[in-house]
Amino acid sequence: MKKQIFKFLAKLNKTVLPSYSKQRLDLAKATKLQMAIIGWRWFVTKNALD
């Protein structure tokens, strides 16, 4: 059940949230909001793959 929720969130993130790796974002220059989005995407992806 939990894994299915995270897989759904991962698909939603892919369509809604921006991909900073494609934009070549420098993490040292990222804003707090951008870092929060990166962290959220990492958290969801990690839990969807477990």
N, C-alpha and C. Protein backbone atom coordinates (compact mmCIF):
# COMPACT_ATOMS: atom_id res chain seq x y z
N MET A 1 0.83 -1.19 0.00
CA MET A 1 0.00 0.00 0.00
C MET A 1 0.88 1.26 0.00
N LYS A 2 1.84 1.29 0.93
CA LYS A 2 2.71 2.46 1.04
C LYS A 2 3.53 2.66 -0.24
N LYS A 3 4.02 1.56 -0.80
CA LYS A 3 4.84 1.65 -2.01
C LYS A 3 4.00 2.16 -3.18
N GLN A 4 2.76 1.78 -3.27
CA GLN A 4 1.89 2.24 -4.35
C GLN A 4 1.65 3.74 -4.26
N ILE A 5 1.52 4.25 -3.06
CA ILE A 5 1.32 5.69 -2.85
C ILE A 5 2.54 6.45 -3.32
N PHE A 6 3.73 5.96 -2.96
CA PHE A 6 4.95 6.64 -3.36
C PHE A 6 5.18 6.54 -4.87
N LYS A 7 4.78 5.43 -5.49
CA LYS A 7 4.91 5.33 -6.95
C LYS A 7 3.99 6.35 -7.63
N PHE A 8 2.80 6.52 -7.09
CA PHE A 8 1.88 7.52 -7.63
C PHE A 8 2.46 8.92 -7.45
N LEU A 9 3.01 9.20 -6.27
CA LEU A 9 3.62 10.51 -6.01
C LEU A 9 4.81 10.76 -6.94
N ALA A 10 5.58 9.71 -7.23
CA ALA A 10 6.73 9.86 -8.13
C ALA A 10 6.27 10.25 -9.54
N LYS A 11 5.19 9.63 -10.01
CA LYS A 11 4.66 9.99 -11.32
C LYS A 11 4.12 11.42 -11.32
N LEU A 12 3.47 11.79 -10.24
CA LEU A 12 2.95 13.15 -10.11
C LEU A 12 4.09 14.17 -10.08
N ASN A 13 5.13 13.87 -9.34
CA ASN A 13 6.30 14.75 -9.28
C ASN A 13 6.92 14.95 -10.65
N LYS A 14 6.99 13.87 -11.41
CA LYS A 14 7.62 13.94 -12.73
C LYS A 14 6.86 14.87 -13.66
N THR A 15 5.55 14.90 -13.54
CA THR A 15 4.76 15.74 -14.43
C THR A 15 4.62 17.17 -13.93
N VAL A 16 4.61 17.38 -12.61
CA VAL A 16 4.31 18.69 -12.06
C VAL A 16 5.56 19.50 -11.71
N LEU A 17 6.51 18.87 -11.03
CA LEU A 17 7.67 19.60 -10.52
C LEU A 17 8.77 19.71 -11.58
N PRO A 18 9.55 20.77 -11.53
CA PRO A 18 10.63 20.95 -12.50
C PRO A 18 11.79 19.99 -12.23
N SER A 19 12.49 19.61 -13.31
CA SER A 19 13.67 18.77 -13.19
C SER A 19 14.90 19.67 -13.25
N TYR A 20 15.55 19.80 -12.12
CA TYR A 20 16.70 20.69 -12.05
C TYR A 20 17.95 20.06 -12.66
N SER A 21 17.99 18.74 -12.78
CA SER A 21 19.15 18.13 -13.41
C SER A 21 19.17 18.42 -14.91
N LYS A 22 18.01 18.50 -15.52
CA LYS A 22 17.94 18.85 -16.94
C LYS A 22 18.27 20.32 -17.16
N GLN A 23 18.01 21.14 -16.15
CA GLN A 23 18.31 22.57 -16.25
C GLN A 23 19.74 22.88 -15.84
N ARG A 24 20.50 21.85 -15.45
CA ARG A 24 21.90 22.02 -15.03
C ARG A 24 22.03 23.00 -13.86
N LEU A 25 21.18 22.85 -12.86
CA LEU A 25 21.20 23.72 -11.70
C LEU A 25 22.42 23.41 -10.84
N ASP A 26 23.16 24.45 -10.47
CA ASP A 26 24.28 24.31 -9.56
C ASP A 26 23.72 24.30 -8.13
N LEU A 27 23.97 23.22 -7.40
CA LEU A 27 23.40 23.09 -6.06
C LEU A 27 23.92 24.15 -5.10
N ALA A 28 25.10 24.66 -5.35
CA ALA A 28 25.64 25.70 -4.48
C ALA A 28 24.88 27.01 -4.65
N LYS A 29 24.24 27.20 -5.78
CA LYS A 29 23.51 28.44 -6.05
C LYS A 29 22.00 28.28 -5.96
N ALA A 30 21.55 27.10 -5.55
CA ALA A 30 20.11 26.83 -5.47
C ALA A 30 19.49 27.57 -4.30
N THR A 31 18.25 28.02 -4.51
CA THR A 31 17.52 28.69 -3.43
C THR A 31 16.97 27.64 -2.46
N LYS A 32 16.44 28.10 -1.36
CA LYS A 32 15.88 27.18 -0.36
C LYS A 32 14.69 26.42 -0.92
N LEU A 33 13.88 27.09 -1.72
CA LEU A 33 12.73 26.42 -2.34
C LEU A 33 13.19 25.32 -3.30
N GLN A 34 14.19 25.62 -4.10
CA GLN A 34 14.71 24.62 -5.03
C GLN A 34 15.31 23.44 -4.28
N MET A 35 16.01 23.71 -3.18
CA MET A 35 16.57 22.62 -2.38
C MET A 35 15.46 21.78 -1.73
N ALA A 36 14.38 22.42 -1.33
CA ALA A 36 13.25 21.69 -0.76
C ALA A 36 12.60 20.78 -1.81
N ILE A 37 12.47 21.27 -3.03
CA ILE A 37 11.90 20.46 -4.11
C ILE A 37 12.81 19.28 -4.42
N ILE A 38 14.10 19.52 -4.46
CA ILE A 38 15.06 18.44 -4.71
C ILE A 38 14.97 17.38 -3.61
N GLY A 39 14.90 17.83 -2.37
CA GLY A 39 14.78 16.91 -1.24
C GLY A 39 13.49 16.11 -1.28
N TRP A 40 12.40 16.76 -1.61
CA TRP A 40 11.11 16.08 -1.71
C TRP A 40 11.13 15.02 -2.80
N ARG A 41 11.66 15.38 -3.97
CA ARG A 41 11.74 14.41 -5.07
C ARG A 41 12.62 13.24 -4.70
N TRP A 42 13.73 13.50 -4.00
CA TRP A 42 14.62 12.42 -3.57
C TRP A 42 13.91 11.50 -2.60
N PHE A 43 13.21 12.06 -1.62
CA PHE A 43 12.49 11.28 -0.61
C PHE A 43 11.44 10.38 -1.26
N VAL A 44 10.66 10.93 -2.18
CA VAL A 44 9.61 10.15 -2.83
C VAL A 44 10.22 9.06 -3.69
N THR A 45 11.25 9.39 -4.44
CA THR A 45 11.89 8.39 -5.31
C THR A 45 12.50 7.27 -4.48
N LYS A 46 13.17 7.61 -3.39
CA LYS A 46 13.79 6.60 -2.52
C LYS A 46 12.74 5.64 -1.99
N ASN A 47 11.62 6.15 -1.55
CA ASN A 47 10.58 5.29 -0.99
C ASN A 47 9.82 4.52 -2.06
N ALA A 48 9.76 5.04 -3.27
CA ALA A 48 9.06 4.33 -4.34
C ALA A 48 9.89 3.14 -4.83
N LEU A 49 11.21 3.23 -4.70
CA LEU A 49 12.08 2.15 -5.18
C LEU A 49 12.32 1.07 -4.14
N ASP A 50 12.12 1.35 -2.87
CA ASP A 50 12.37 0.35 -1.81
C ASP A 50 11.47 -0.84 -1.90
